[in-house]
Amino acid sequence: MDTVSHVQPLCELDDIPDGGATAVDALLPDGTESLILLRRGAEVRGYLNVCPHAGRRLDYAPGKFLLKNDTLICAVHGATFNQADGLCIAGPCRGEHLRAVAVRVEGDAVQLATIE
């Protein structure tokens, strides 16, 4: 059974605009990675900030993302992903997914939970 072995603080909930996104760096097993944090009210979803099409970051400037109608759009090639599940619904990597990361909100803090 999976257990939470480590919790890493990422940011405060208010650092992410409601309905918006930000990027933060986190220490993952393979090293430091940029994460996308997407917020809806008190809920936050996290994904690696890497487009599955070409392996590039999705932001057009550090921490700035193209968001439209519950989607996240890659600034490089226009791949369009559902915010809710990371599925690419349009563009060069249609059918692929962003790599989700386990995040949780505890009080006002957004944390990365590493599962082992």
PDB file of N, CA and C in Angstrom:
ATOM      1  N   MET A   1       0.841  -1.189   0.000  1.00  0.00           N
ATOM      2  CA  MET A   1       0.000   0.000   0.000  1.00  0.00           C
ATOM      3  C   MET A   1       0.881   1.246   0.000  1.00  0.00           C
ATOM      4  N   ASP A   2       0.530   2.257  -0.813  1.00  0.00           N
ATOM      5  CA  ASP A   2       1.303   3.493  -0.874  1.00  0.00           C
ATOM      6  C   ASP A   2       1.100   4.296   0.394  1.00  0.00           C
ATOM      7  N   THR A   3       2.175   4.911   0.851  1.00  0.00           N
ATOM      8  CA  THR A   3       2.099   5.791   2.003  1.00  0.00           C
ATOM      9  C   THR A   3       2.805   7.087   1.661  1.00  0.00           C
ATOM     10  N   VAL A   4       2.374   8.172   2.301  1.00  0.00           N
ATOM     11  CA  VAL A   4       3.021   9.452   2.085  1.00  0.00           C
ATOM     12  C   VAL A   4       4.303   9.455   2.905  1.00  0.00           C
ATOM     13  N   SER A   5       5.450   9.621   2.221  1.00  0.00           N
ATOM     14  CA  SER A   5       6.719   9.548   2.919  1.00  0.00           C
ATOM     15  C   SER A   5       7.354  10.921   3.120  1.00  0.00           C
ATOM     16  N   HIS A   6       6.923  11.908   2.353  1.00  0.00           N
ATOM     17  CA  HIS A   6       7.545  13.215   2.432  1.00  0.00           C
ATOM     18  C   HIS A   6       6.562  14.253   1.899  1.00  0.00           C
ATOM     19  N   VAL A   7       6.496  15.384   2.549  1.00  0.00           N
ATOM     20  CA  VAL A   7       5.649  16.471   2.080  1.00  0.00           C
ATOM     21  C   VAL A   7       6.552  17.673   1.840  1.00  0.00           C
ATOM     22  N   GLN A   8       6.427  18.292   0.670  1.00  0.00           N
ATOM     23  CA  GLN A   8       7.262  19.424   0.295  1.00  0.00           C
ATOM     24  C   GLN A   8       6.379  20.649   0.075  1.00  0.00           C
ATOM     25  N   PRO A   9       6.593  21.739   0.821  1.00  0.00           N
ATOM     26  CA  PRO A   9       5.814  22.957   0.573  1.00  0.00           C
ATOM     27  C   PRO A   9       6.168  23.556  -0.785  1.00  0.00           C
ATOM     28  N   LEU A  10       5.151  23.989  -1.528  1.00  0.00           N
ATOM     29  CA  LEU A  10       5.368  24.565  -2.853  1.00  0.00           C
ATOM     30  C   LEU A  10       5.102  26.064  -2.888  1.00  0.00           C
ATOM     31  N   CYS A  11       3.954  26.474  -2.330  1.00  0.00           N
ATOM     32  CA  CYS A  11       3.586  27.887  -2.304  1.00  0.00           C
ATOM     33  C   CYS A  11       2.358  28.040  -1.416  1.00  0.00           C
ATOM     34  N   GLU A  12       1.903  29.249  -1.259  1.00  0.00           N
ATOM     35  CA  GLU A  12       0.648  29.529  -0.577  1.00  0.00           C
ATOM     36  C   GLU A  12      -0.483  29.478  -1.612  1.00  0.00           C
ATOM     37  N   LEU A  13      -1.668  29.077  -1.182  1.00  0.00           N
ATOM     38  CA  LEU A  13      -2.819  29.002  -2.086  1.00  0.00           C
ATOM     39  C   LEU A  13      -3.051  30.348  -2.775  1.00  0.00           C
ATOM     40  N   ASP A  14      -2.914  31.447  -2.046  1.00  0.00           N
ATOM     41  CA  ASP A  14      -3.155  32.773  -2.610  1.00  0.00           C
ATOM     42  C   ASP A  14      -2.095  33.195  -3.628  1.00  0.00           C
ATOM     43  N   ASP A  15      -0.986  32.443  -3.736  1.00  0.00           N
ATOM     44  CA  ASP A  15       0.022  32.731  -4.763  1.00  0.00           C
ATOM     45  C   ASP A  15      -0.462  32.314  -6.155  1.00  0.00           C
ATOM     46  N   ILE A  16      -1.531  31.505  -6.209  1.00  0.00           N
ATOM     47  CA  ILE A  16      -2.103  31.060  -7.480  1.00  0.00           C
ATOM     48  C   ILE A  16      -3.430  31.783  -7.660  1.00  0.00           C
ATOM     49  N   PRO A  17      -3.605  32.563  -8.709  1.00  0.00           N
ATOM     50  CA  PRO A  17      -4.896  33.233  -8.893  1.00  0.00           C
ATOM     51  C   PRO A  17      -6.020  32.202  -9.041  1.00  0.00           C
ATOM     52  N   ASP A  18      -7.167  32.456  -8.426  1.00  0.00           N
ATOM     53  CA  ASP A  18      -8.308  31.550  -8.574  1.00  0.00           C
ATOM     54  C   ASP A  18      -8.698  31.517 -10.048  1.00  0.00           C
ATOM     55  N   GLY A  19      -8.739  30.320 -10.623  1.00  0.00           N
ATOM     56  CA  GLY A  19      -9.011  30.167 -12.045  1.00  0.00           C
ATOM     57  C   GLY A  19      -7.760  30.309 -12.897  1.00  0.00           C
ATOM     58  N   GLY A  20      -6.617  30.462 -12.259  1.00  0.00           N
ATOM     59  CA  GLY A  20      -5.367  30.671 -12.974  1.00  0.00           C
ATOM     60  C   GLY A  20      -4.338  29.597 -12.686  1.00  0.00           C
ATOM     61  N   ALA A  21      -3.107  29.920 -13.032  1.00  0.00           N
ATOM     62  CA  ALA A  21      -2.012  28.961 -12.889  1.00  0.00           C
ATOM     63  C   ALA A  21      -0.733  29.697 -12.537  1.00  0.00           C
ATOM     64  N   THR A  22       0.204  28.957 -11.986  1.00  0.00           N
ATOM     65  CA  THR A  22       1.551  29.457 -11.749  1.00  0.00           C
ATOM     66  C   THR A  22       2.521  28.298 -11.905  1.00  0.00           C
ATOM     67  N   ALA A  23       3.796  28.616 -11.950  1.00  0.00           N
ATOM     68  CA  ALA A  23       4.841  27.589 -12.003  1.00  0.00           C
ATOM     69  C   ALA A  23       5.681  27.682 -10.741  1.00  0.00           C
ATOM     70  N   VAL A  24       6.069  26.530 -10.224  1.00  0.00           N
ATOM     71  CA  VAL A  24       6.958  26.451  -9.068  1.00  0.00           C
ATOM     72  C   VAL A  24       7.978  25.352  -9.342  1.00  0.00           C
ATOM     73  N   ASP A  25       9.126  25.459  -8.707  1.00  0.00           N
ATOM     74  CA  ASP A  25      10.122  24.401  -8.798  1.00  0.00           C
ATOM     75  C   ASP A  25       9.952  23.464  -7.616  1.00  0.00           C
ATOM     76  N   ALA A  26      10.112  22.166  -7.871  1.00  0.00           N
ATOM     77  CA  ALA A  26       9.987  21.154  -6.823  1.00  0.00           C
ATOM     78  C   ALA A  26      11.080  20.121  -6.994  1.00  0.00           C
ATOM     79  N   LEU A  27      11.517  19.565  -5.883  1.00  0.00           N
ATOM     80  CA  LEU A  27      12.511  18.510  -5.907  1.00  0.00           C
ATOM     81  C   LEU A  27      11.790  17.174  -6.039  1.00  0.00           C
ATOM     82  N   LEU A  28      11.955  16.528  -7.196  1.00  0.00           N
ATOM     83  CA  LEU A  28      11.370  15.226  -7.476  1.00  0.00           C
ATOM     84  C   LEU A  28      12.482  14.180  -7.459  1.00  0.00           C
ATOM     85  N   PRO A  29      12.136  12.893  -7.479  1.00  0.00           N
ATOM     86  CA  PRO A  29      13.179  11.860  -7.437  1.00  0.00           C
ATOM     87  C   PRO A  29      14.251  12.004  -8.524  1.00  0.00           C
ATOM     88  N   ASP A  30      13.891  12.544  -9.701  1.00  0.00           N
ATOM     89  CA  ASP A  30      14.859  12.701 -10.792  1.00  0.00           C
ATOM     90  C   ASP A  30      15.560  14.054 -10.778  1.00  0.00           C
ATOM     91  N   GLY A  31      15.298  14.878  -9.776  1.00  0.00           N
ATOM     92  CA  GLY A  31      15.916  16.196  -9.687  1.00  0.00           C
ATOM     93  C   GLY A  31      14.878  17.299  -9.617  1.00  0.00           C
ATOM     94  N   THR A  32      15.321  18.530  -9.688  1.00  0.00           N
ATOM     95  CA  THR A  32      14.420  19.681  -9.617  1.00  0.00           C
ATOM     96  C   THR A  32      13.681  19.838 -10.938  1.00  0.00           C
ATOM     97  N   GLU A  33      12.362  19.982 -10.846  1.00  0.00           N
ATOM     98  CA  GLU A  33      11.501  20.133 -12.023  1.00  0.00           C
ATOM     99  C   GLU A  33      10.568  21.321 -11.829  1.00  0.00           C
ATOM    100  N   SER A  34      10.165  21.935 -12.932  1.00  0.00           N
ATOM    101  CA  SER A  34       9.145  22.976 -12.908  1.00  0.00           C
ATOM    102  C   SER A  34       7.771  22.309 -12.921  1.00  0.00           C
ATOM    103  N   LEU A  35       6.891  22.759 -12.048  1.00  0.00           N
ATOM    104  CA  LEU A  35       5.521  22.249 -11.991  1.00  0.00           C
ATOM    105  C   LEU A  35       4.544  23.354 -12.347  1.00  0.00           C
ATOM    106  N   ILE A  36       3.449  22.969 -12.980  1.00  0.00           N
ATOM    107  CA  ILE A  36       2.310  23.855 -13.213  1.00  0.00           C
ATOM    108  C   ILE A  36       1.314  23.584 -12.100  1.00  0.00           C
ATOM    109  N   LEU A  37       0.867  24.630 -11.420  1.00  0.00           N
ATOM    110  CA  LEU A  37      -0.194  24.498 -10.433  1.00  0.00           C
ATOM    111  C   LEU A  37      -1.399  25.269 -10.943  1.00  0.00           C
ATOM    112  N   LEU A  38      -2.519  24.568 -11.124  1.00  0.00           N
ATOM    113  CA  LEU A  38      -3.768  25.141 -11.615  1.00  0.00           C
ATOM    114  C   LEU A  38      -4.769  25.179 -10.469  1.00  0.00           C
ATOM    115  N   ARG A  39      -5.388  26.336 -10.238  1.00  0.00           N
ATOM    116  CA  ARG A  39      -6.288  26.495  -9.089  1.00  0.00           C
ATOM    117  C   ARG A  39      -7.720  26.759  -9.520  1.00  0.00           C
ATOM    118  N   ARG A  40      -8.639  26.075  -8.838  1.00  0.00           N
ATOM    119  CA  ARG A  40     -10.087  26.329  -8.923  1.00  0.00           C
ATOM    120  C   ARG A  40     -10.592  26.387  -7.493  1.00  0.00           C
ATOM    121  N   GLY A  41     -10.831  27.581  -6.966  1.00  0.00           N
ATOM    122  CA  GLY A  41     -11.258  27.715  -5.573  1.00  0.00           C
ATOM    123  C   GLY A  41     -10.180  27.184  -4.644  1.00  0.00           C
ATOM    124  N   ALA A  42     -10.541  26.218  -3.806  1.00  0.00           N
ATOM    125  CA  ALA A  42      -9.592  25.628  -2.868  1.00  0.00           C
ATOM    126  C   ALA A  42      -8.910  24.386  -3.437  1.00  0.00           C
ATOM    127  N   GLU A  43      -9.223  24.018  -4.688  1.00  0.00           N
ATOM    128  CA  GLU A  43      -8.644  22.826  -5.308  1.00  0.00           C
ATOM    129  C   GLU A  43      -7.473  23.221  -6.211  1.00  0.00           C
ATOM    130  N   VAL A  44      -6.387  22.450  -6.112  1.00  0.00           N
ATOM    131  CA  VAL A  44      -5.208  22.688  -6.945  1.00  0.00           C
ATOM    132  C   VAL A  44      -4.807  21.376  -7.610  1.00  0.00           C
ATOM    133  N   ARG A  45      -4.525  21.447  -8.902  1.00  0.00           N
ATOM    134  CA  ARG A  45      -4.005  20.304  -9.658  1.00  0.00           C
ATOM    135  C   ARG A  45      -2.575  20.637 -10.054  1.00  0.00           C
ATOM    136  N   GLY A  46      -1.738  19.605 -10.101  1.00  0.00           N
ATOM    137  CA  GLY A  46      -0.347  19.816 -10.469  1.00  0.00           C
ATOM    138  C   GLY A  46       0.082  18.913 -11.614  1.00  0.00           C
ATOM    139  N   TYR A  47       0.894  19.473 -12.510  1.00  0.00           N
ATOM    140  CA  TYR A  47       1.459  18.728 -13.636  1.00  0.00           C
ATOM    141  C   TYR A  47       2.912  19.167 -13.826  1.00  0.00           C
ATOM    142  N   LEU A  48       3.722  18.284 -14.389  1.00  0.00           N
ATOM    143  CA  LEU A  48       5.050  18.709 -14.809  1.00  0.00           C
ATOM    144  C   LEU A  48       4.885  19.774 -15.888  1.00  0.00           C
ATOM    145  N   ASN A  49       5.723  20.779 -15.864  1.00  0.00           N
ATOM    146  CA  ASN A  49       5.669  21.861 -16.847  1.00  0.00           C
ATOM    147  C   ASN A  49       6.448  21.448 -18.096  1.00  0.00           C
ATOM    148  N   VAL A  50       5.987  20.342 -18.702  1.00  0.00           N
ATOM    149  CA  VAL A  50       6.643  19.774 -19.881  1.00  0.00           C
ATOM    150  C   VAL A  50       5.561  19.308 -20.852  1.00  0.00           C
ATOM    151  N   CYS A  51       5.609  19.823 -22.067  1.00  0.00           N
ATOM    152  CA  CYS A  51       4.669  19.377 -23.093  1.00  0.00           C
ATOM    153  C   CYS A  51       5.128  18.020 -23.624  1.00  0.00           C
ATOM    154  N   PRO A  52       4.234  17.019 -23.702  1.00  0.00           N
ATOM    155  CA  PRO A  52       4.640  15.713 -24.211  1.00  0.00           C
ATOM    156  C   PRO A  52       5.031  15.720 -25.695  1.00  0.00           C
ATOM    157  N   HIS A  53       4.670  16.776 -26.420  1.00  0.00           N
ATOM    158  CA  HIS A  53       4.997  16.837 -27.851  1.00  0.00           C
ATOM    159  C   HIS A  53       6.494  16.997 -28.088  1.00  0.00           C
ATOM    160  N   ALA A  54       7.111  18.008 -27.511  1.00  0.00           N
ATOM    161  CA  ALA A  54       8.518  18.283 -27.806  1.00  0.00           C
ATOM    162  C   ALA A  54       9.373  18.398 -26.546  1.00  0.00           C
ATOM    163  N   GLY A  55       8.780  18.160 -25.380  1.00  0.00           N
ATOM    164  CA  GLY A  55       9.535  18.213 -24.142  1.00  0.00           C
ATOM    165  C   GLY A  55       9.886  19.610 -23.674  1.00  0.00           C
ATOM    166  N   ARG A  56       9.197  20.605 -24.201  1.00  0.00           N
ATOM    167  CA  ARG A  56       9.447  21.991 -23.801  1.00  0.00           C
ATOM    168  C   ARG A  56       8.458  22.432 -22.732  1.00  0.00           C
ATOM    169  N   ARG A  57       8.822  23.511 -22.036  1.00  0.00           N
ATOM    170  CA  ARG A  57       7.917  24.098 -21.042  1.00  0.00           C
ATOM    171  C   ARG A  57       6.664  24.633 -21.738  1.00  0.00           C
ATOM    172  N   LEU A  58       5.556  24.646 -21.002  1.00  0.00           N
ATOM    173  CA  LEU A  58       4.293  25.123 -21.556  1.00  0.00           C
ATOM    174  C   LEU A  58       4.089  26.621 -21.375  1.00  0.00           C
ATOM    175  N   ASP A  59       4.802  27.251 -20.438  1.00  0.00           N
ATOM    176  CA  ASP A  59       4.588  28.679 -20.194  1.00  0.00           C
ATOM    177  C   ASP A  59       5.250  29.528 -21.269  1.00  0.00           C
ATOM    178  N   TYR A  60       4.642  30.685 -21.558  1.00  0.00           N
ATOM    179  CA  TYR A  60       5.193  31.593 -22.566  1.00  0.00           C
ATOM    180  C   TYR A  60       6.212  32.547 -21.955  1.00  0.00           C
ATOM    181  N   ALA A  61       6.171  32.724 -20.657  1.00  0.00           N
ATOM    182  CA  ALA A  61       7.157  33.446 -19.853  1.00  0.00           C
ATOM    183  C   ALA A  61       7.143  32.707 -18.513  1.00  0.00           C
ATOM    184  N   PRO A  62       8.195  32.796 -17.726  1.00  0.00           N
ATOM    185  CA  PRO A  62       8.218  32.024 -16.476  1.00  0.00           C
ATOM    186  C   PRO A  62       6.955  32.215 -15.624  1.00  0.00           C
ATOM    187  N   GLY A  63       6.213  31.116 -15.437  1.00  0.00           N
ATOM    188  CA  GLY A  63       5.006  31.135 -14.614  1.00  0.00           C
ATOM    189  C   GLY A  63       3.779  31.727 -15.264  1.00  0.00           C
ATOM    190  N   LYS A  64       3.850  32.061 -16.550  1.00  0.00           N
ATOM    191  CA  LYS A  64       2.713  32.660 -17.274  1.00  0.00           C
ATOM    192  C   LYS A  64       2.205  31.666 -18.306  1.00  0.00           C
ATOM    193  N   PHE A  65       0.914  31.325 -18.221  1.00  0.00           N
ATOM    194  CA  PHE A  65       0.323  30.288 -19.063  1.00  0.00           C
ATOM    195  C   PHE A  65      -0.863  30.807 -19.850  1.00  0.00           C
ATOM    196  N   LEU A  66      -1.101  30.197 -21.013  1.00  0.00           N
ATOM    197  CA  LEU A  66      -2.270  30.495 -21.825  1.00  0.00           C
ATOM    198  C   LEU A  66      -3.404  29.581 -21.358  1.00  0.00           C
ATOM    199  N   LEU A  67      -4.441  30.164 -20.764  1.00  0.00           N
ATOM    200  CA  LEU A  67      -5.590  29.424 -20.256  1.00  0.00           C
ATOM    201  C   LEU A  67      -6.840  29.921 -20.952  1.00  0.00           C
ATOM    202  N   LYS A  68      -7.685  28.966 -21.386  1.00  0.00           N
ATOM    203  CA  LYS A  68      -8.933  29.350 -22.058  1.00  0.00           C
ATOM    204  C   LYS A  68      -9.940  28.221 -21.909  1.00  0.00           C
ATOM    205  N   ASN A  69     -11.145  28.542 -21.433  1.00  0.00           N
ATOM    206  CA  ASN A  69     -12.254  27.583 -21.353  1.00  0.00           C
ATOM    207  C   ASN A  69     -11.840  26.251 -20.731  1.00  0.00           C
ATOM    208  N   ASP A  70     -11.262  26.283 -19.532  1.00  0.00           N
ATOM    209  CA  ASP A  70     -10.854  25.078 -18.805  1.00  0.00           C
ATOM    210  C   ASP A  70      -9.756  24.294 -19.506  1.00  0.00           C
ATOM    211  N   THR A  71      -8.995  24.957 -20.386  1.00  0.00           N
ATOM    212  CA  THR A  71      -7.871  24.300 -21.035  1.00  0.00           C
ATOM    213  C   THR A  71      -6.586  25.086 -20.771  1.00  0.00           C
ATOM    214  N   LEU A  72      -5.483  24.396 -20.958  1.00  0.00           N
ATOM    215  CA  LEU A  72      -4.136  24.950 -20.868  1.00  0.00           C
ATOM    216  C   LEU A  72      -3.502  24.752 -22.231  1.00  0.00           C
ATOM    217  N   ILE A  73      -2.946  25.806 -22.815  1.00  0.00           N
ATOM    218  CA  ILE A  73      -2.424  25.742 -24.171  1.00  0.00           C
ATOM    219  C   ILE A  73      -0.902  25.910 -24.150  1.00  0.00           C
ATOM    220  N   CYS A  74      -0.198  25.001 -24.799  1.00  0.00           N
ATOM    221  CA  CYS A  74       1.254  25.088 -24.903  1.00  0.00           C
ATOM    222  C   CYS A  74       1.612  26.305 -25.743  1.00  0.00           C
ATOM    223  N   ALA A  75       2.472  27.151 -25.218  1.00  0.00           N
ATOM    224  CA  ALA A  75       2.842  28.385 -25.907  1.00  0.00           C
ATOM    225  C   ALA A  75       3.719  28.139 -27.135  1.00  0.00           C
ATOM    226  N   VAL A  76       4.337  26.964 -27.239  1.00  0.00           N
ATOM    227  CA  VAL A  76       5.260  26.709 -28.350  1.00  0.00           C
ATOM    228  C   VAL A  76       4.537  26.208 -29.597  1.00  0.00           C
ATOM    229  N   HIS A  77       3.769  25.106 -29.473  1.00  0.00           N
ATOM    230  CA  HIS A  77       3.135  24.505 -30.647  1.00  0.00           C
ATOM    231  C   HIS A  77       1.610  24.462 -30.579  1.00  0.00           C
ATOM    232  N   GLY A  78       1.013  25.039 -29.535  1.00  0.00           N
ATOM    233  CA  GLY A  78      -0.436  25.140 -29.468  1.00  0.00           C
ATOM    234  C   GLY A  78      -1.179  23.903 -29.008  1.00  0.00           C
ATOM    235  N   ALA A  79      -0.489  22.900 -28.495  1.00  0.00           N
ATOM    236  CA  ALA A  79      -1.197  21.733 -27.951  1.00  0.00           C
ATOM    237  C   ALA A  79      -2.126  22.214 -26.837  1.00  0.00           C
ATOM    238  N   THR A  80      -3.353  21.678 -26.816  1.00  0.00           N
ATOM    239  CA  THR A  80      -4.368  22.124 -25.869  1.00  0.00           C
ATOM    240  C   THR A  80      -4.741  20.977 -24.941  1.00  0.00           C
ATOM    241  N   PHE A  81      -4.633  21.221 -23.634  1.00  0.00           N
ATOM    242  CA  PHE A  81      -4.842  20.198 -22.613  1.00  0.00           C
ATOM    243  C   PHE A  81      -6.012  20.559 -21.709  1.00  0.00           C
ATOM    244  N   ASN A  82      -6.831  19.549 -21.361  1.00  0.00           N
ATOM    245  CA  ASN A  82      -7.846  19.738 -20.325  1.00  0.00           C
ATOM    246  C   ASN A  82      -7.131  20.022 -19.009  1.00  0.00           C
ATOM    247  N   GLN A  83      -7.581  21.046 -18.300  1.00  0.00           N
ATOM    248  CA  GLN A  83      -6.989  21.333 -16.997  1.00  0.00           C
ATOM    249  C   GLN A  83      -7.302  20.236 -15.986  1.00  0.00           C
ATOM    250  N   ALA A  84      -8.477  19.629 -16.089  1.00  0.00           N
ATOM    251  CA  ALA A  84      -8.926  18.657 -15.093  1.00  0.00           C
ATOM    252  C   ALA A  84      -8.136  17.355 -15.101  1.00  0.00           C
ATOM    253  N   ASP A  85      -7.708  16.892 -16.296  1.00  0.00           N
ATOM    254  CA  ASP A  85      -7.033  15.588 -16.341  1.00  0.00           C
ATOM    255  C   ASP A  85      -5.745  15.575 -17.164  1.00  0.00           C
ATOM    256  N   GLY A  86      -5.363  16.710 -17.746  1.00  0.00           N
ATOM    257  CA  GLY A  86      -4.119  16.802 -18.493  1.00  0.00           C
ATOM    258  C   GLY A  86      -4.142  16.169 -19.868  1.00  0.00           C
ATOM    259  N   LEU A  87      -5.308  15.731 -20.350  1.00  0.00           N
ATOM    260  CA  LEU A  87      -5.425  15.108 -21.668  1.00  0.00           C
ATOM    261  C   LEU A  87      -5.280  16.157 -22.765  1.00  0.00           C
ATOM    262  N   CYS A  88      -4.441  15.857 -23.770  1.00  0.00           N
ATOM    263  CA  CYS A  88      -4.307  16.736 -24.924  1.00  0.00           C
ATOM    264  C   CYS A  88      -5.502  16.495 -25.854  1.00  0.00           C
ATOM    265  N   ILE A  89      -6.288  17.545 -26.073  1.00  0.00           N
ATOM    266  CA  ILE A  89      -7.497  17.415 -26.888  1.00  0.00           C
ATOM    267  C   ILE A  89      -7.346  18.031 -28.272  1.00  0.00           C
ATOM    268  N   ALA A  90      -6.238  18.753 -28.504  1.00  0.00           N
ATOM    269  CA  ALA A  90      -5.990  19.348 -29.817  1.00  0.00           C
ATOM    270  C   ALA A  90      -4.498  19.628 -29.946  1.00  0.00           C
ATOM    271  N   GLY A  91      -4.011  19.524 -31.178  1.00  0.00           N
ATOM    272  CA  GLY A  91      -2.610  19.835 -31.425  1.00  0.00           C
ATOM    273  C   GLY A  91      -1.777  18.600 -31.713  1.00  0.00           C
ATOM    274  N   PRO A  92      -0.456  18.781 -31.746  1.00  0.00           N
ATOM    275  CA  PRO A  92       0.436  17.726 -32.218  1.00  0.00           C
ATOM    276  C   PRO A  92       0.556  16.501 -31.319  1.00  0.00           C
ATOM    277  N   CYS A  93       0.112  16.575 -30.090  1.00  0.00           N
ATOM    278  CA  CYS A  93       0.215  15.398 -29.203  1.00  0.00           C
ATOM    279  C   CYS A  93      -1.162  14.944 -28.713  1.00  0.00           C
ATOM    280  N   ARG A  94      -2.186  15.134 -29.548  1.00  0.00           N
ATOM    281  CA  ARG A  94      -3.556  14.743 -29.201  1.00  0.00           C
ATOM    282  C   ARG A  94      -3.583  13.310 -28.667  1.00  0.00           C
ATOM    283  N   GLY A  95      -4.297  13.123 -27.545  1.00  0.00           N
ATOM    284  CA  GLY A  95      -4.431  11.808 -26.935  1.00  0.00           C
ATOM    285  C   GLY A  95      -3.399  11.517 -25.858  1.00  0.00           C
ATOM    286  N   GLU A  96      -2.327  12.296 -25.798  1.00  0.00           N
ATOM    287  CA  GLU A  96      -1.330  12.121 -24.741  1.00  0.00           C
ATOM    288  C   GLU A  96      -1.747  12.952 -23.527  1.00  0.00           C
ATOM    289  N   HIS A  97      -1.071  12.721 -22.402  1.00  0.00           N
ATOM    290  CA  HIS A  97      -1.388  13.427 -21.160  1.00  0.00           C
ATOM    291  C   HIS A  97      -0.171  14.160 -20.609  1.00  0.00           C
ATOM    292  N   LEU A  98      -0.430  15.262 -19.927  1.00  0.00           N
ATOM    293  CA  LEU A  98       0.592  15.864 -19.090  1.00  0.00           C
ATOM    294  C   LEU A  98       0.855  14.903 -17.940  1.00  0.00           C
ATOM    295  N   ARG A  99       2.043  14.925 -17.386  1.00  0.00           N
ATOM    296  CA  ARG A  99       2.362  14.049 -16.258  1.00  0.00           C
ATOM    297  C   ARG A  99       1.897  14.711 -14.963  1.00  0.00           C
ATOM    298  N   ALA A 100       0.905  14.097 -14.320  1.00  0.00           N
ATOM    299  CA  ALA A 100       0.347  14.631 -13.081  1.00  0.00           C
ATOM    300  C   ALA A 100       1.311  14.420 -11.924  1.00  0.00           C
ATOM    301  N   VAL A 101       1.267  15.343 -10.977  1.00  0.00           N
ATOM    302  CA  VAL A 101       2.012  15.206  -9.735  1.00  0.00           C
ATOM    303  C   VAL A 101       1.028  15.356  -8.582  1.00  0.00           C
ATOM    304  N   ALA A 102       1.293  14.638  -7.498  1.00  0.00           N
ATOM    305  CA  ALA A 102       0.392  14.653  -6.344  1.00  0.00           C
ATOM    306  C   ALA A 102       0.611  15.924  -5.527  1.00  0.00           C
ATOM    307  N   VAL A 103      -0.401  16.782  -5.517  1.00  0.00           N
ATOM    308  CA  VAL A 103      -0.363  17.985  -4.692  1.00  0.00           C
ATOM    309  C   VAL A 103      -1.592  17.990  -3.801  1.00  0.00           C
ATOM    310  N   ARG A 104      -1.476  18.696  -2.697  1.00  0.00           N
ATOM    311  CA  ARG A 104      -2.619  18.835  -1.796  1.00  0.00           C
ATOM    312  C   ARG A 104      -2.570  20.195  -1.132  1.00  0.00           C
ATOM    313  N   VAL A 105      -3.732  20.638  -0.676  1.00  0.00           N
ATOM    314  CA  VAL A 105      -3.841  21.904   0.028  1.00  0.00           C
ATOM    315  C   VAL A 105      -4.080  21.588   1.494  1.00  0.00           C
ATOM    316  N   GLU A 106      -3.211  22.105   2.338  1.00  0.00           N
ATOM    317  CA  GLU A 106      -3.340  21.967   3.791  1.00  0.00           C
ATOM    318  C   GLU A 106      -3.401  23.366   4.360  1.00  0.00           C
ATOM    319  N   GLY A 107      -4.587  23.765   4.832  1.00  0.00           N
ATOM    320  CA  GLY A 107      -4.755  25.138   5.295  1.00  0.00           C
ATOM    321  C   GLY A 107      -4.584  26.074   4.118  1.00  0.00           C
ATOM    322  N   ASP A 108      -3.603  26.977   4.211  1.00  0.00           N
ATOM    323  CA  ASP A 108      -3.322  27.912   3.118  1.00  0.00           C
ATOM    324  C   ASP A 108      -2.111  27.488   2.302  1.00  0.00           C
ATOM    325  N   ALA A 109      -1.543  26.322   2.587  1.00  0.00           N
ATOM    326  CA  ALA A 109      -0.322  25.879   1.916  1.00  0.00           C
ATOM    327  C   ALA A 109      -0.617  24.830   0.851  1.00  0.00           C
ATOM    328  N   VAL A 110       0.060  24.963  -0.304  1.00  0.00           N
ATOM    329  CA  VAL A 110       0.015  23.947  -1.358  1.00  0.00           C
ATOM    330  C   VAL A 110       1.285  23.135  -1.200  1.00  0.00           C
ATOM    331  N   GLN A 111       1.115  21.813  -1.143  1.00  0.00           N
ATOM    332  CA  GLN A 111       2.243  20.920  -0.887  1.00  0.00           C
ATOM    333  C   GLN A 111       2.319  19.826  -1.948  1.00  0.00           C
ATOM    334  N   LEU A 112       3.542  19.392  -2.208  1.00  0.00           N
ATOM    335  CA  LEU A 112       3.786  18.237  -3.055  1.00  0.00           C
ATOM    336  C   LEU A 112       3.924  17.037  -2.128  1.00  0.00           C
ATOM    337  N   ALA A 113       3.148  16.007  -2.380  1.00  0.00           N
ATOM    338  CA  ALA A 113       3.242  14.781  -1.576  1.00  0.00           C
ATOM    339  C   ALA A 113       3.946  13.736  -2.411  1.00  0.00           C
ATOM    340  N   THR A 114       5.085  13.259  -1.949  1.00  0.00           N
ATOM    341  CA  THR A 114       5.822  12.215  -2.634  1.00  0.00           C
ATOM    342  C   THR A 114       5.343  10.862  -2.124  1.00  0.00           C
ATOM    343  N   ILE A 115       4.890  10.015  -3.043  1.00  0.00           N
ATOM    344  CA  ILE A 115       4.375   8.697  -2.686  1.00  0.00           C
ATOM    345  C   ILE A 115       5.456   7.659  -2.947  1.00  0.00           C
ATOM    346  N   GLU A 116       5.686   6.799  -1.983  1.00  0.00           N
ATOM    347  CA  GLU A 116       6.636   5.691  -2.175  1.00  0.00           C
ATOM    348  C   GLU A 116       6.009   4.398  -1.748  1.00  0.00           C
TER     349      GLU A 116
END
